[in-house]
Amino acid sequence: MQTDERPAKSNGSEHHVDHHRRVVGTAVGVTVALALVGGILLSRRVPDQATTQPPAANTAPAAAPPVMSAIGWNAALVARNDTTITVYASPGDMRCKDVVQPQATVTEQTDTQVVVAVNGRIIDANDCSTSGIRMPLVVSLQKPLGDRVLRDAASALPPPAFSERELPDLASGKRWSPHSSHCDEG
C-alpha cells in the first residue's frame, strides 16, 4: 500500500461552510449593534415625547368637587303627620337641562316659617323632551308645620303648599264620597 503524503483534496464544502459561518456571524453582529444603537436613540427621545403627549386615558386628573347650584321648588305636599314635606323642584326656565344629585334640606325653622333649600348639579340633558321634569324631594321637620309658612330658599317666596289632611284618605278603607251627604248608599 502506498501512502500519499499530500493533503487530501477538498471538494470545497469546508470552505463554503466556513465562509457561511463568517457571513452569518457578521450579520448577527451588525443586527445586535443596530438594535443597541436604536434602543439608545429611542430611550433618549422618550422623555421629550412624554412631555408633549397628553396623559394616558387611565390616569385621571385630580377631581374637582362638583358645583352645586341652588334650584327653586314650585310646590309642596305636607304629609298627614305634618312633619314630612315633599317639595317638587325643577331646573326652572332653563331649556334642555337636568338636575343631578338633587338634595333638599331645611335651612331655617322659626315660629313663623320653614325655609327649604334644594341644591344639585345642573347639566345638559341627554333628551330635551324629558328634561325639566319636577323631582319630588322629601325633608323632615323637627316639629309639625302647623300654621307656619313654607318658603323656597332660592326665591324666598312661598310656593303653593298642599296638605294631605285636606285630601280624602283613600288608603284608610273608609267609604269616601265627594258629596257631603248621601241620599242613597248605592
N, C-alpha and C. Protein backbone atom coordinates (compact mmCIF):
# COMPACT_ATOMS: atom_id res chain seq x y z
N MET A 1 0.81 -1.16 0.00
CA MET A 1 0.00 0.00 0.00
C MET A 1 0.85 1.22 0.00
N GLN A 2 0.41 2.07 -0.71
CA GLN A 2 1.18 3.28 -0.85
C GLN A 2 0.42 4.39 -0.15
N THR A 3 1.12 5.17 0.66
CA THR A 3 0.51 6.30 1.35
C THR A 3 0.94 7.56 0.67
N ASP A 4 0.07 8.38 0.53
CA ASP A 4 0.33 9.64 -0.14
C ASP A 4 0.45 10.70 0.93
N GLU A 5 1.54 11.42 0.93
CA GLU A 5 1.77 12.46 1.91
C GLU A 5 1.04 13.75 1.53
N ARG A 6 0.44 13.81 0.46
CA ARG A 6 -0.26 15.02 0.03
C ARG A 6 -1.58 15.15 0.79
N PRO A 7 -1.94 16.38 1.13
CA PRO A 7 -3.24 16.54 1.78
C PRO A 7 -4.35 16.14 0.84
N ALA A 8 -5.32 15.65 1.42
CA ALA A 8 -6.45 15.21 0.61
C ALA A 8 -7.11 16.42 -0.03
N LYS A 9 -7.58 16.23 -1.21
CA LYS A 9 -8.23 17.31 -1.92
C LYS A 9 -9.60 17.57 -1.30
N SER A 10 -9.85 18.82 -1.05
CA SER A 10 -11.18 19.14 -0.53
C SER A 10 -12.07 19.47 -1.69
N ASN A 11 -13.28 19.16 -1.53
CA ASN A 11 -14.21 19.42 -2.61
C ASN A 11 -14.82 20.81 -2.50
N GLY A 12 -14.36 21.62 -1.52
CA GLY A 12 -14.84 22.99 -1.41
C GLY A 12 -15.96 23.15 -0.40
N SER A 13 -16.49 22.06 0.14
CA SER A 13 -17.61 22.18 1.07
C SER A 13 -17.16 22.76 2.40
N GLU A 14 -15.95 22.44 2.86
CA GLU A 14 -15.47 23.01 4.12
C GLU A 14 -15.27 24.51 3.97
N HIS A 15 -14.73 24.90 2.85
CA HIS A 15 -14.51 26.31 2.59
C HIS A 15 -15.86 27.04 2.52
N HIS A 16 -16.82 26.43 1.94
CA HIS A 16 -18.15 27.02 1.82
C HIS A 16 -18.79 27.16 3.20
N VAL A 17 -18.68 26.17 4.06
CA VAL A 17 -19.26 26.20 5.41
C VAL A 17 -18.57 27.29 6.23
N ASP A 18 -17.27 27.37 6.12
CA ASP A 18 -16.52 28.38 6.86
C ASP A 18 -16.92 29.79 6.42
N HIS A 19 -17.06 29.99 5.15
CA HIS A 19 -17.47 31.29 4.62
C HIS A 19 -18.88 31.65 5.08
N HIS A 20 -19.76 30.68 5.10
CA HIS A 20 -21.15 30.88 5.52
C HIS A 20 -21.18 31.28 7.00
N ARG A 21 -20.35 30.65 7.84
CA ARG A 21 -20.30 30.98 9.27
C ARG A 21 -19.84 32.43 9.48
N ARG A 22 -18.87 32.86 8.71
CA ARG A 22 -18.39 34.23 8.84
C ARG A 22 -19.47 35.24 8.42
N VAL A 23 -20.18 34.95 7.37
CA VAL A 23 -21.22 35.85 6.90
C VAL A 23 -22.36 35.94 7.93
N VAL A 24 -22.78 34.80 8.44
CA VAL A 24 -23.86 34.77 9.44
C VAL A 24 -23.41 35.49 10.71
N GLY A 25 -22.20 35.26 11.16
CA GLY A 25 -21.67 35.91 12.35
C GLY A 25 -21.62 37.42 12.19
N THR A 26 -21.19 37.86 11.02
CA THR A 26 -21.14 39.30 10.75
C THR A 26 -22.55 39.89 10.73
N ALA A 27 -23.49 39.19 10.12
CA ALA A 27 -24.88 39.67 10.06
C ALA A 27 -25.49 39.77 11.46
N VAL A 28 -25.24 38.77 12.28
CA VAL A 28 -25.76 38.79 13.65
C VAL A 28 -25.13 39.95 14.42
N GLY A 29 -23.84 40.15 14.27
CA GLY A 29 -23.16 41.25 14.96
C GLY A 29 -23.70 42.61 14.55
N VAL A 30 -23.92 42.80 13.25
CA VAL A 30 -24.47 44.07 12.76
C VAL A 30 -25.89 44.27 13.29
N THR A 31 -26.69 43.21 13.32
CA THR A 31 -28.07 43.30 13.81
C THR A 31 -28.09 43.69 15.28
N VAL A 32 -27.25 43.08 16.09
CA VAL A 32 -27.18 43.41 17.51
C VAL A 32 -26.72 44.86 17.70
N ALA A 33 -25.73 45.26 16.94
CA ALA A 33 -25.23 46.63 17.04
C ALA A 33 -26.31 47.64 16.68
N LEU A 34 -27.06 47.37 15.61
CA LEU A 34 -28.14 48.28 15.21
C LEU A 34 -29.25 48.34 16.27
N ALA A 35 -29.56 47.19 16.86
CA ALA A 35 -30.59 47.15 17.90
C ALA A 35 -30.16 47.97 19.10
N LEU A 36 -28.91 47.85 19.51
CA LEU A 36 -28.41 48.62 20.64
C LEU A 36 -28.42 50.12 20.35
N VAL A 37 -27.96 50.50 19.18
CA VAL A 37 -27.95 51.92 18.81
C VAL A 37 -29.37 52.46 18.73
N GLY A 38 -30.27 51.70 18.12
CA GLY A 38 -31.67 52.12 18.03
C GLY A 38 -32.30 52.26 19.40
N GLY A 39 -32.01 51.32 20.31
CA GLY A 39 -32.54 51.40 21.67
C GLY A 39 -32.05 52.62 22.40
N ILE A 40 -30.78 52.94 22.22
CA ILE A 40 -30.21 54.13 22.87
C ILE A 40 -30.88 55.40 22.33
N LEU A 41 -31.04 55.46 21.01
CA LEU A 41 -31.68 56.64 20.42
C LEU A 41 -33.13 56.79 20.88
N LEU A 42 -33.86 55.69 20.94
CA LEU A 42 -35.25 55.75 21.39
C LEU A 42 -35.35 56.13 22.85
N SER A 43 -34.45 55.62 23.68
CA SER A 43 -34.52 55.94 25.11
C SER A 43 -34.23 57.42 25.34
N ARG A 44 -33.45 58.03 24.50
CA ARG A 44 -33.19 59.47 24.65
C ARG A 44 -34.38 60.30 24.18
N ARG A 45 -35.22 59.79 23.28
CA ARG A 45 -36.35 60.55 22.75
C ARG A 45 -37.59 60.41 23.62
N VAL A 46 -37.73 59.34 24.39
CA VAL A 46 -38.95 59.11 25.17
C VAL A 46 -39.25 60.25 26.12
N PRO A 47 -38.29 60.81 26.89
CA PRO A 47 -38.66 61.92 27.76
C PRO A 47 -39.19 63.13 27.00
N ASP A 48 -38.64 63.42 25.82
CA ASP A 48 -39.13 64.55 25.03
C ASP A 48 -40.57 64.32 24.60
N GLN A 49 -40.87 63.10 24.15
CA GLN A 49 -42.22 62.79 23.69
C GLN A 49 -43.19 62.74 24.86
N ALA A 50 -42.74 62.26 26.01
CA ALA A 50 -43.64 62.12 27.15
C ALA A 50 -44.13 63.48 27.63
N THR A 51 -43.33 64.51 27.48
CA THR A 51 -43.78 65.83 27.95
C THR A 51 -44.76 66.48 27.00
N THR A 52 -44.79 66.06 25.74
CA THR A 52 -45.70 66.70 24.80
C THR A 52 -46.97 65.90 24.57
N GLN A 53 -47.02 64.64 25.02
CA GLN A 53 -48.20 63.83 24.80
C GLN A 53 -49.19 64.03 25.93
N PRO A 54 -50.50 63.94 25.63
CA PRO A 54 -51.49 64.07 26.70
C PRO A 54 -51.41 62.86 27.63
N PRO A 55 -51.93 62.98 28.87
CA PRO A 55 -51.88 61.85 29.80
C PRO A 55 -52.69 60.69 29.27
N ALA A 56 -52.30 59.49 29.69
CA ALA A 56 -53.00 58.28 29.26
C ALA A 56 -54.43 58.30 29.78
N ALA A 57 -55.30 57.54 29.12
CA ALA A 57 -56.73 57.54 29.45
C ALA A 57 -56.99 57.01 30.85
N ASN A 58 -56.15 56.13 31.37
CA ASN A 58 -56.44 55.54 32.67
C ASN A 58 -55.94 56.40 33.82
N THR A 59 -55.23 57.47 33.56
CA THR A 59 -54.81 58.38 34.62
C THR A 59 -55.75 59.57 34.60
N ALA A 60 -56.39 59.82 35.72
CA ALA A 60 -57.35 60.91 35.80
C ALA A 60 -56.74 62.05 36.59
N PRO A 61 -57.00 63.28 36.15
CA PRO A 61 -56.51 64.42 36.93
C PRO A 61 -57.28 64.49 38.25
N ALA A 62 -56.77 65.23 39.17
CA ALA A 62 -57.43 65.38 40.46
C ALA A 62 -58.84 65.91 40.23
N ALA A 63 -59.83 65.19 40.76
CA ALA A 63 -61.23 65.55 40.52
C ALA A 63 -61.61 66.78 41.32
N ALA A 64 -62.20 67.73 40.63
CA ALA A 64 -62.70 68.93 41.30
C ALA A 64 -64.06 68.59 41.89
N PRO A 65 -64.39 69.16 43.04
CA PRO A 65 -65.70 68.86 43.61
C PRO A 65 -66.80 69.38 42.69
N PRO A 66 -67.92 68.64 42.60
CA PRO A 66 -68.99 69.08 41.71
C PRO A 66 -69.57 70.41 42.21
N VAL A 67 -69.93 71.26 41.25
CA VAL A 67 -70.51 72.56 41.57
C VAL A 67 -72.00 72.37 41.80
N MET A 68 -72.46 72.69 42.99
CA MET A 68 -73.87 72.55 43.33
C MET A 68 -74.54 73.91 43.15
N SER A 69 -75.69 73.91 42.53
CA SER A 69 -76.43 75.14 42.27
C SER A 69 -77.71 75.14 43.09
N ALA A 70 -78.14 76.33 43.48
CA ALA A 70 -79.44 76.47 44.14
C ALA A 70 -80.52 76.28 43.09
N ILE A 71 -81.50 75.47 43.42
CA ILE A 71 -82.58 75.16 42.49
C ILE A 71 -83.89 75.49 43.18
N GLY A 72 -84.75 76.15 42.47
CA GLY A 72 -86.04 76.50 43.05
C GLY A 72 -87.02 75.33 43.05
N TRP A 73 -87.92 75.34 44.03
CA TRP A 73 -89.00 74.37 44.02
C TRP A 73 -90.31 75.17 43.93
N ASN A 74 -91.31 74.57 43.30
CA ASN A 74 -92.50 75.35 42.99
C ASN A 74 -93.80 74.79 43.54
N ALA A 75 -93.73 73.75 44.36
CA ALA A 75 -94.92 73.22 45.02
C ALA A 75 -94.48 72.29 46.13
N ALA A 76 -95.35 72.13 47.14
CA ALA A 76 -95.03 71.24 48.26
C ALA A 76 -96.27 70.47 48.67
N LEU A 77 -96.04 69.27 49.16
CA LEU A 77 -97.12 68.43 49.70
C LEU A 77 -96.73 68.06 51.13
N VAL A 78 -97.57 68.47 52.08
CA VAL A 78 -97.32 68.19 53.50
C VAL A 78 -98.05 66.91 53.86
N ALA A 79 -97.32 65.94 54.41
CA ALA A 79 -97.91 64.64 54.75
C ALA A 79 -98.89 64.78 55.92
N ARG A 80 -99.70 63.77 56.10
CA ARG A 80 -100.70 63.77 57.18
C ARG A 80 -100.06 63.94 58.55
N ASN A 81 -98.82 63.47 58.72
CA ASN A 81 -98.16 63.60 60.03
C ASN A 81 -97.68 65.03 60.30
N ASP A 82 -97.75 65.92 59.28
CA ASP A 82 -97.42 67.34 59.37
C ASP A 82 -95.93 67.61 59.62
N THR A 83 -95.08 66.57 59.54
CA THR A 83 -93.63 66.78 59.71
C THR A 83 -92.83 66.34 58.48
N THR A 84 -93.45 65.62 57.58
CA THR A 84 -92.79 65.18 56.35
C THR A 84 -93.32 66.02 55.20
N ILE A 85 -92.38 66.66 54.48
CA ILE A 85 -92.77 67.56 53.38
C ILE A 85 -92.06 67.11 52.11
N THR A 86 -92.82 67.00 51.05
CA THR A 86 -92.26 66.70 49.73
C THR A 86 -92.30 67.98 48.91
N VAL A 87 -91.12 68.45 48.48
CA VAL A 87 -91.07 69.63 47.61
C VAL A 87 -90.78 69.14 46.20
N TYR A 88 -91.31 69.86 45.22
CA TYR A 88 -91.15 69.48 43.82
C TYR A 88 -90.27 70.52 43.13
N ALA A 89 -89.06 70.09 42.78
CA ALA A 89 -88.06 71.01 42.21
C ALA A 89 -87.82 70.68 40.75
N SER A 90 -87.40 71.71 40.00
CA SER A 90 -87.02 71.53 38.60
C SER A 90 -86.01 72.61 38.24
N PRO A 91 -85.27 72.41 37.14
CA PRO A 91 -84.30 73.45 36.76
C PRO A 91 -84.95 74.74 36.29
N GLY A 92 -86.25 74.85 36.36
CA GLY A 92 -86.94 76.09 36.05
C GLY A 92 -87.02 76.40 34.57
N ASP A 93 -86.70 77.63 34.23
CA ASP A 93 -86.83 78.11 32.85
C ASP A 93 -85.68 77.68 31.95
N MET A 94 -84.69 76.99 32.49
CA MET A 94 -83.55 76.57 31.67
C MET A 94 -83.98 75.44 30.75
N ARG A 95 -83.85 75.67 29.45
CA ARG A 95 -84.27 74.67 28.47
C ARG A 95 -83.20 73.59 28.32
N CYS A 96 -83.66 72.37 28.22
CA CYS A 96 -82.81 71.21 27.94
C CYS A 96 -81.73 71.01 29.01
N LYS A 97 -82.12 71.14 30.26
CA LYS A 97 -81.22 70.93 31.39
C LYS A 97 -81.82 69.89 32.33
N ASP A 98 -80.96 69.16 33.01
CA ASP A 98 -81.36 68.19 34.02
C ASP A 98 -80.61 68.49 35.31
N VAL A 99 -81.15 67.99 36.42
CA VAL A 99 -80.50 68.15 37.72
C VAL A 99 -79.99 66.78 38.16
N VAL A 100 -78.72 66.75 38.56
CA VAL A 100 -78.10 65.52 39.02
C VAL A 100 -77.83 65.66 40.52
N GLN A 101 -78.07 64.61 41.26
CA GLN A 101 -77.84 64.54 42.71
C GLN A 101 -78.57 65.66 43.46
N PRO A 102 -79.87 65.81 43.23
CA PRO A 102 -80.59 66.87 43.95
C PRO A 102 -80.72 66.52 45.43
N GLN A 103 -80.65 67.53 46.27
CA GLN A 103 -80.80 67.34 47.72
C GLN A 103 -81.64 68.48 48.27
N ALA A 104 -82.59 68.14 49.13
CA ALA A 104 -83.41 69.16 49.79
C ALA A 104 -83.05 69.16 51.27
N THR A 105 -82.90 70.36 51.83
CA THR A 105 -82.58 70.50 53.25
C THR A 105 -83.39 71.65 53.84
N VAL A 106 -83.72 71.50 55.12
CA VAL A 106 -84.38 72.57 55.84
C VAL A 106 -83.28 73.50 56.33
N THR A 107 -83.28 74.74 55.86
CA THR A 107 -82.22 75.67 56.24
C THR A 107 -82.61 76.58 57.40
N GLU A 108 -83.92 76.71 57.64
CA GLU A 108 -84.37 77.57 58.74
C GLU A 108 -85.74 77.11 59.22
N GLN A 109 -85.91 77.08 60.54
CA GLN A 109 -87.21 76.78 61.15
C GLN A 109 -87.43 77.77 62.28
N THR A 110 -88.40 78.64 62.10
CA THR A 110 -88.76 79.58 63.16
C THR A 110 -90.21 79.33 63.54
N ASP A 111 -90.74 80.19 64.40
CA ASP A 111 -92.15 80.06 64.80
C ASP A 111 -93.11 80.47 63.69
N THR A 112 -92.59 81.18 62.66
CA THR A 112 -93.48 81.68 61.61
C THR A 112 -93.22 81.06 60.24
N GLN A 113 -92.03 80.49 60.03
CA GLN A 113 -91.73 79.97 58.70
C GLN A 113 -90.75 78.80 58.76
N VAL A 114 -90.77 78.04 57.64
CA VAL A 114 -89.81 76.96 57.40
C VAL A 114 -89.25 77.20 56.01
N VAL A 115 -87.91 77.30 55.92
CA VAL A 115 -87.26 77.55 54.63
C VAL A 115 -86.59 76.26 54.18
N VAL A 116 -86.91 75.84 52.94
CA VAL A 116 -86.36 74.62 52.36
C VAL A 116 -85.51 74.99 51.15
N ALA A 117 -84.27 74.52 51.13
CA ALA A 117 -83.35 74.77 50.01
C ALA A 117 -83.15 73.48 49.24
N VAL A 118 -83.07 73.60 47.92
CA VAL A 118 -82.77 72.47 47.04
C VAL A 118 -81.49 72.81 46.29
N ASN A 119 -80.55 71.88 46.29
CA ASN A 119 -79.29 72.06 45.57
C ASN A 119 -79.04 70.84 44.71
N GLY A 120 -78.30 71.02 43.62
CA GLY A 120 -77.93 69.92 42.74
C GLY A 120 -77.05 70.43 41.62
N ARG A 121 -76.51 69.51 40.86
CA ARG A 121 -75.71 69.89 39.69
C ARG A 121 -76.62 70.01 38.49
N ILE A 122 -76.54 71.12 37.78
CA ILE A 122 -77.33 71.32 36.57
C ILE A 122 -76.44 70.98 35.38
N ILE A 123 -76.92 70.03 34.56
CA ILE A 123 -76.15 69.58 33.41
C ILE A 123 -77.02 69.65 32.15
N ASP A 124 -76.38 69.54 30.99
CA ASP A 124 -77.12 69.46 29.73
C ASP A 124 -77.88 68.14 29.70
N ALA A 125 -79.12 68.18 29.27
CA ALA A 125 -79.96 66.99 29.22
C ALA A 125 -79.60 66.13 28.03
N ASN A 126 -79.69 64.82 28.20
CA ASN A 126 -79.49 63.89 27.09
C ASN A 126 -80.69 63.90 26.17
N ASP A 127 -81.87 64.10 26.74
CA ASP A 127 -83.11 64.09 25.96
C ASP A 127 -83.92 65.32 26.36
N CYS A 128 -83.97 66.31 25.48
CA CYS A 128 -84.65 67.57 25.80
C CYS A 128 -86.16 67.38 25.97
N SER A 129 -86.72 66.32 25.41
CA SER A 129 -88.16 66.12 25.53
C SER A 129 -88.55 65.68 26.94
N THR A 130 -87.62 65.14 27.72
CA THR A 130 -87.92 64.73 29.08
C THR A 130 -87.22 65.60 30.12
N SER A 131 -86.51 66.63 29.70
CA SER A 131 -85.80 67.47 30.66
C SER A 131 -86.78 68.40 31.36
N GLY A 132 -86.38 68.88 32.52
CA GLY A 132 -87.19 69.84 33.25
C GLY A 132 -88.34 69.23 34.04
N ILE A 133 -88.40 67.91 34.16
CA ILE A 133 -89.47 67.26 34.91
C ILE A 133 -89.26 67.53 36.40
N ARG A 134 -90.34 67.80 37.10
CA ARG A 134 -90.25 68.08 38.53
C ARG A 134 -89.81 66.83 39.29
N MET A 135 -88.90 67.06 40.23
CA MET A 135 -88.38 65.96 41.06
C MET A 135 -88.94 66.08 42.46
N PRO A 136 -89.54 65.02 43.00
CA PRO A 136 -90.01 65.08 44.39
C PRO A 136 -88.84 64.82 45.35
N LEU A 137 -88.66 65.71 46.31
CA LEU A 137 -87.60 65.58 47.31
C LEU A 137 -88.23 65.74 48.69
N VAL A 138 -87.88 64.86 49.61
CA VAL A 138 -88.52 64.81 50.92
C VAL A 138 -87.60 65.39 51.99
N VAL A 139 -88.19 66.21 52.86
CA VAL A 139 -87.49 66.73 54.04
C VAL A 139 -88.36 66.43 55.27
N SER A 140 -87.72 66.35 56.42
CA SER A 140 -88.44 66.11 57.68
C SER A 140 -88.22 67.30 58.60
N LEU A 141 -89.29 67.68 59.28
CA LEU A 141 -89.24 68.80 60.22
C LEU A 141 -89.06 68.28 61.64
N GLN A 142 -88.49 69.12 62.49
CA GLN A 142 -88.30 68.75 63.90
C GLN A 142 -89.62 68.76 64.65
N LYS A 143 -90.51 69.67 64.28
CA LYS A 143 -91.84 69.73 64.88
C LYS A 143 -92.86 69.96 63.77
N PRO A 144 -94.13 69.68 64.00
CA PRO A 144 -95.14 69.82 62.94
C PRO A 144 -95.16 71.23 62.34
N LEU A 145 -95.50 71.27 61.06
CA LEU A 145 -95.54 72.54 60.33
C LEU A 145 -96.59 73.48 60.91
N GLY A 146 -97.77 72.96 61.19
CA GLY A 146 -98.84 73.78 61.74
C GLY A 146 -99.19 74.93 60.82
N ASP A 147 -99.22 76.15 61.37
CA ASP A 147 -99.58 77.34 60.59
C ASP A 147 -98.37 78.07 60.01
N ARG A 148 -97.21 77.50 60.15
CA ARG A 148 -96.00 78.17 59.62
C ARG A 148 -96.02 78.15 58.09
N VAL A 149 -95.37 79.13 57.51
CA VAL A 149 -95.31 79.28 56.05
C VAL A 149 -94.07 78.55 55.53
N LEU A 150 -94.26 77.81 54.44
CA LEU A 150 -93.13 77.17 53.75
C LEU A 150 -92.57 78.15 52.74
N ARG A 151 -91.24 78.32 52.71
CA ARG A 151 -90.59 79.22 51.74
C ARG A 151 -89.49 78.47 51.00
N ASP A 152 -89.34 78.87 49.74
CA ASP A 152 -88.25 78.37 48.90
C ASP A 152 -87.02 79.22 49.17
N ALA A 153 -85.90 78.61 49.50
CA ALA A 153 -84.68 79.36 49.81
C ALA A 153 -84.14 80.08 48.58
N ALA A 154 -84.36 79.57 47.38
CA ALA A 154 -83.82 80.19 46.16
C ALA A 154 -84.54 81.49 45.83
N SER A 155 -85.84 81.54 46.05
CA SER A 155 -86.61 82.74 45.68
C SER A 155 -87.13 83.52 46.88
N ALA A 156 -87.09 82.92 48.06
CA ALA A 156 -87.65 83.50 49.29
C ALA A 156 -89.16 83.64 49.23
N LEU A 157 -89.78 83.07 48.21
CA LEU A 157 -91.24 83.13 48.07
C LEU A 157 -91.88 81.87 48.66
N PRO A 158 -93.15 81.97 49.03
CA PRO A 158 -93.87 80.78 49.49
C PRO A 158 -94.62 80.11 48.34
N PRO A 159 -94.06 79.07 47.73
CA PRO A 159 -94.80 78.37 46.67
C PRO A 159 -96.05 77.71 47.24
N PRO A 160 -96.97 77.30 46.39
CA PRO A 160 -98.18 76.63 46.89
C PRO A 160 -97.82 75.37 47.66
N ALA A 161 -98.48 75.22 48.81
CA ALA A 161 -98.28 74.03 49.64
C ALA A 161 -99.65 73.40 49.89
N PHE A 162 -99.73 72.11 49.66
CA PHE A 162 -100.96 71.36 49.83
C PHE A 162 -100.78 70.37 50.97
N SER A 163 -101.83 70.17 51.73
CA SER A 163 -101.76 69.26 52.88
C SER A 163 -102.57 68.00 52.59
N GLU A 164 -102.00 66.86 52.91
CA GLU A 164 -102.73 65.60 52.74
C GLU A 164 -103.92 65.54 53.69
N ARG A 165 -103.90 66.31 54.77
CA ARG A 165 -105.03 66.33 55.71
C ARG A 165 -106.29 66.86 55.04
N GLU A 166 -106.12 67.69 54.02
CA GLU A 166 -107.26 68.26 53.31
C GLU A 166 -107.75 67.37 52.18
N LEU A 167 -107.05 66.30 51.93
CA LEU A 167 -107.42 65.36 50.87
C LEU A 167 -108.08 64.14 51.49
N PRO A 168 -108.94 63.46 50.74
CA PRO A 168 -109.55 62.25 51.27
C PRO A 168 -108.50 61.17 51.51
N ASP A 169 -108.67 60.42 52.59
CA ASP A 169 -107.75 59.33 52.92
C ASP A 169 -108.26 58.05 52.26
N LEU A 170 -107.88 57.85 51.02
CA LEU A 170 -108.35 56.70 50.25
C LEU A 170 -107.75 55.39 50.75
N ALA A 171 -106.64 55.44 51.43
CA ALA A 171 -105.99 54.23 51.92
C ALA A 171 -106.59 53.74 53.23
N SER A 172 -107.46 54.50 53.86
CA SER A 172 -108.00 54.12 55.18
C SER A 172 -109.01 52.99 55.09
N GLY A 173 -109.60 52.73 53.96
CA GLY A 173 -110.60 51.67 53.82
C GLY A 173 -112.01 52.19 54.08
N LYS A 174 -112.13 53.44 54.51
CA LYS A 174 -113.46 54.02 54.73
C LYS A 174 -114.05 54.39 53.39
N ARG A 175 -115.37 54.35 53.34
CA ARG A 175 -116.04 54.77 52.11
C ARG A 175 -115.92 56.27 51.99
N TRP A 176 -115.65 56.71 50.79
CA TRP A 176 -115.48 58.15 50.56
C TRP A 176 -116.40 58.59 49.43
N SER A 177 -116.91 59.80 49.57
CA SER A 177 -117.76 60.37 48.53
C SER A 177 -117.41 61.85 48.41
N PRO A 178 -117.43 62.38 47.21
CA PRO A 178 -117.18 63.81 47.06
C PRO A 178 -118.34 64.67 47.59
N HIS A 179 -119.46 64.05 47.89
CA HIS A 179 -120.65 64.78 48.38
C HIS A 179 -120.68 64.70 49.90
N SER A 180 -121.08 65.78 50.52
CA SER A 180 -121.10 65.82 51.99
C SER A 180 -122.24 65.00 52.58
N SER A 181 -123.31 64.78 51.86
CA SER A 181 -124.41 63.96 52.38
C SER A 181 -124.77 62.90 51.36
N HIS A 182 -125.31 61.82 51.87
CA HIS A 182 -125.67 60.71 50.99
C HIS A 182 -127.19 60.51 51.07
N CYS A 183 -127.81 60.42 49.92
CA CYS A 183 -129.24 60.12 49.94
C CYS A 183 -129.44 58.64 49.66
N ASP A 184 -128.45 57.99 49.10
CA ASP A 184 -128.57 56.59 48.77
C ASP A 184 -127.19 55.94 48.89
N GLU A 185 -127.09 54.85 49.54
CA GLU A 185 -125.81 54.15 49.70
C GLU A 185 -125.25 53.65 48.36
N GLY A 186 -126.07 53.40 47.41
CA GLY A 186 -125.64 52.87 46.14
C GLY A 186 -125.04 53.91 45.30
